[in-house]
C-alpha cells in the first residue's frame, strides 16, 4: 500500500491516509495519487475474506 495504513480494533476498521503527501501522477496523467491500496487487499489474518480497495487522488 502506498500512503495507506489500516488497523482493526475488534470489528472496527480504520483507514488512515496522509493528505499532505503525494505518491505521484496516475497512469493517465489526469490526477495526482495521494494514496492507494494497490488493488483489493485483505485487511488482516483474523478476517481473511474481508478485503479493502482504496484510491485517494486529486485533479492536476
Protein backbone atom coordinates (compact mmCIF):
# COMPACT_ATOMS: atom_id res chain seq x y z
CA UNK A 1 0.00 0.00 0.00
CA UNK A 2 1.16 3.50 -0.75
CA UNK A 3 0.43 6.10 1.95
CA UNK A 4 -2.49 4.00 3.25
CA UNK A 5 -2.48 2.39 6.69
CA UNK A 6 -5.19 0.14 8.07
CA UNK A 7 -5.84 -1.08 11.58
CA UNK A 8 -8.52 -3.29 13.06
CA UNK A 9 -9.74 -2.92 16.65
CA UNK A 10 -12.36 -5.58 17.32
CA UNK A 11 -14.81 -5.17 14.45
CA UNK A 12 -13.79 -1.59 13.58
CA UNK A 13 -11.56 -0.98 10.52
CA UNK A 14 -9.69 2.32 10.47
CA UNK A 15 -8.09 3.60 7.25
CA UNK A 16 -5.52 6.39 7.52
CA UNK A 17 -4.19 8.43 4.59
CA UNK A 18 -1.84 11.40 4.99
CA UNK A 19 -3.43 14.01 2.70
CA UNK A 20 -0.26 16.15 2.76
CA UNK A 21 1.66 13.52 0.76
CA UNK A 22 1.60 12.80 -2.96
CA UNK A 23 2.61 9.41 -4.35
CA UNK A 24 2.85 10.57 -7.96
CA UNK A 25 0.82 11.01 -11.14
CA UNK A 26 -1.75 8.48 -12.29
CA UNK A 27 -1.02 6.46 -15.41
CA UNK A 28 -3.29 8.76 -17.44
CA UNK A 29 -1.66 11.87 -16.01
CA UNK A 30 -5.04 13.43 -15.22
CA UNK A 31 -4.74 13.06 -11.45
CA UNK A 32 -2.16 13.02 -8.67
CA UNK A 33 -2.32 9.93 -6.46
CA UNK A 34 -2.31 10.69 -2.74
CA UNK A 35 -2.78 7.12 -1.53
CA UNK A 36 -3.64 3.69 -2.89
CA UNK A 37 -4.07 0.18 -1.59
CA UNK A 38 -2.78 -1.02 -4.97
CA UNK A 39 -5.85 -3.15 -5.60
CA UNK A 40 -8.09 -5.05 -3.21
CA UNK A 41 -6.12 -6.29 -0.20
CA UNK A 42 -7.10 -8.43 2.80
CA UNK A 43 -7.33 -6.32 5.96
CA UNK A 44 -5.83 -8.84 8.41
CA UNK A 45 -5.46 -12.55 9.21
CA UNK A 46 -8.43 -12.55 11.57
CA UNK A 47 -10.79 -11.53 8.72
CA UNK A 48 -9.29 -13.33 5.66
CA UNK A 49 -12.40 -12.92 3.50
CA UNK A 50 -12.67 -9.15 4.06
CA UNK A 51 -10.81 -7.01 1.54
CA UNK A 52 -10.43 -3.28 1.07
CA UNK A 53 -9.70 -1.19 -2.02
CA UNK A 54 -8.72 2.46 -1.56
CA UNK A 55 -7.81 5.16 -4.06
CA UNK A 56 -7.31 8.76 -2.94
CA UNK A 57 -6.44 11.31 -5.63
CA UNK A 58 -6.84 14.91 -6.76
CA UNK A 59 -7.06 16.59 -10.13
CA UNK A 60 -3.89 18.06 -11.61
